């Protein structure tokens, strides 16, 4: 995770998808699991301003599938950005926005 800042958007998404394939941990704060998802969360926040809405939604979906929607900061930042200009969202994206947990 020391080189996480070098990941491309597609590699970042692939890393999150790989986390979905792992067996569940006892807790989101389990030492190794927390280190990985937290670093990926930070990178998503860092790249958020450069992504289009489709990419933003795609990453929000994967965080929710990992049950990190209420814990990670990415969802909060995504909701904040998307809710400022809802006219830029498609109907599908707007409906998704209502179901993200924070």
Protein backbone atom coordinates (compact mmCIF):
# COMPACT_ATOMS: atom_id res chain seq x y z
CA UNK A 1 0.00 0.00 0.00
CA UNK A 2 3.06 2.24 0.14
CA UNK A 3 2.75 2.83 -3.61
CA UNK A 4 -1.01 3.19 -3.82
CA UNK A 5 -0.68 6.69 -5.24
CA UNK A 6 0.69 5.19 -8.45
CA UNK A 7 -2.46 3.17 -9.18
CA UNK A 8 -4.53 4.14 -12.18
CA UNK A 9 -8.29 4.45 -11.87
CA UNK A 10 -8.83 1.00 -13.37
CA UNK A 11 -6.20 -0.56 -11.07
CA UNK A 12 -7.81 1.14 -8.09
CA UNK A 13 -11.18 -0.30 -9.05
CA UNK A 14 -9.65 -3.74 -9.58
CA UNK A 15 -8.09 -3.62 -6.10
CA UNK A 16 -11.49 -2.85 -4.57
CA UNK A 17 -13.08 -5.67 -6.56
CA UNK A 18 -10.40 -8.03 -5.25
CA UNK A 19 -11.33 -7.08 -1.69
CA UNK A 20 -14.85 -8.25 -2.49
CA UNK A 21 -13.50 -11.69 -3.35
CA UNK A 22 -11.76 -12.15 0.00
CA UNK A 23 -13.52 -13.94 2.84
CA UNK A 24 -15.18 -11.51 5.27
CA UNK A 25 -13.05 -10.30 8.15
CA UNK A 26 -14.15 -10.15 11.77
CA UNK A 27 -14.40 -6.39 11.53
CA UNK A 28 -13.76 -3.58 9.08
CA UNK A 29 -11.05 -2.48 11.52
CA UNK A 30 -9.11 -5.76 11.32
CA UNK A 31 -5.48 -4.70 11.03
CA UNK A 32 -4.53 -5.72 7.48
CA UNK A 33 -8.00 -5.20 6.00
CA UNK A 34 -8.25 -1.71 7.47
CA UNK A 35 -4.86 -0.72 6.11
CA UNK A 36 -5.82 -1.76 2.59
CA UNK A 37 -9.34 -0.34 2.32
CA UNK A 38 -8.34 2.87 4.11
CA UNK A 39 -5.48 3.53 1.68
CA UNK A 40 -7.80 2.84 -1.28
CA UNK A 41 -10.46 5.11 0.23
CA UNK A 42 -7.89 7.91 0.54
CA UNK A 43 -6.83 7.48 -3.08
CA UNK A 44 -10.43 7.57 -4.29
CA UNK A 45 -10.96 10.83 -2.42
CA UNK A 46 -7.78 12.24 -3.93
CA UNK A 47 -8.88 11.32 -7.48
CA UNK A 48 -12.58 12.15 -7.00
CA UNK A 49 -12.40 15.64 -8.50
CA UNK A 50 -10.99 14.29 -11.76
CA UNK A 51 -13.63 11.59 -12.33
CA UNK A 52 -16.86 11.84 -14.29
CA UNK A 53 -20.15 10.99 -12.59
CA UNK A 54 -20.28 7.49 -14.05
CA UNK A 55 -16.92 6.66 -12.46
CA UNK A 56 -17.98 8.27 -9.18
CA UNK A 57 -21.08 6.08 -9.06
CA UNK A 58 -19.10 2.96 -9.99
CA UNK A 59 -16.75 3.50 -7.05
CA UNK A 60 -19.58 4.35 -4.66
CA UNK A 61 -21.27 1.08 -5.63
CA UNK A 62 -18.18 -0.98 -4.87
CA UNK A 63 -17.71 0.72 -1.48
CA UNK A 64 -21.31 -0.10 -0.62
CA UNK A 65 -20.85 -3.71 -1.74
CA UNK A 66 -17.86 -3.90 0.62
CA UNK A 67 -20.08 -2.57 3.44
CA UNK A 68 -17.79 0.43 3.82
CA UNK A 69 -20.38 3.06 2.89
CA UNK A 70 -20.87 4.27 6.45
CA UNK A 71 -17.23 3.91 7.44
CA UNK A 72 -15.16 5.19 4.54
CA UNK A 73 -14.94 8.83 3.60
CA UNK A 74 -15.34 8.35 -0.15
CA UNK A 75 -19.13 7.96 0.01
CA UNK A 76 -19.46 11.12 2.09
CA UNK A 77 -17.36 13.14 -0.38
CA UNK A 78 -19.17 11.63 -3.36
CA UNK A 79 -22.60 12.50 -1.93
CA UNK A 80 -21.41 16.01 -1.14
CA UNK A 81 -20.13 16.57 -4.69
CA UNK A 82 -23.07 14.94 -6.46
CA UNK A 83 -25.70 16.74 -4.39
CA UNK A 84 -24.31 20.15 -5.31
CA UNK A 85 -25.19 19.72 -9.00
CA UNK A 86 -27.92 17.08 -9.24
CA UNK A 87 -28.83 18.26 -12.74
CA UNK A 88 -25.58 16.68 -14.00
CA UNK A 89 -26.75 13.24 -12.85
CA UNK A 90 -28.80 10.87 -14.94
CA UNK A 91 -32.04 9.61 -13.45
CA UNK A 92 -30.38 6.30 -12.61
CA UNK A 93 -27.46 8.01 -10.88
CA UNK A 94 -29.80 10.27 -8.91
CA UNK A 95 -31.81 7.30 -7.67
CA UNK A 96 -28.57 5.53 -6.65
CA UNK A 97 -27.58 8.63 -4.69
CA UNK A 98 -30.64 8.28 -2.47
CA UNK A 99 -29.62 4.78 -1.39
CA UNK A 100 -26.03 5.41 -0.34
CA UNK A 101 -25.55 5.11 3.38
CA UNK A 102 -23.76 7.69 5.38
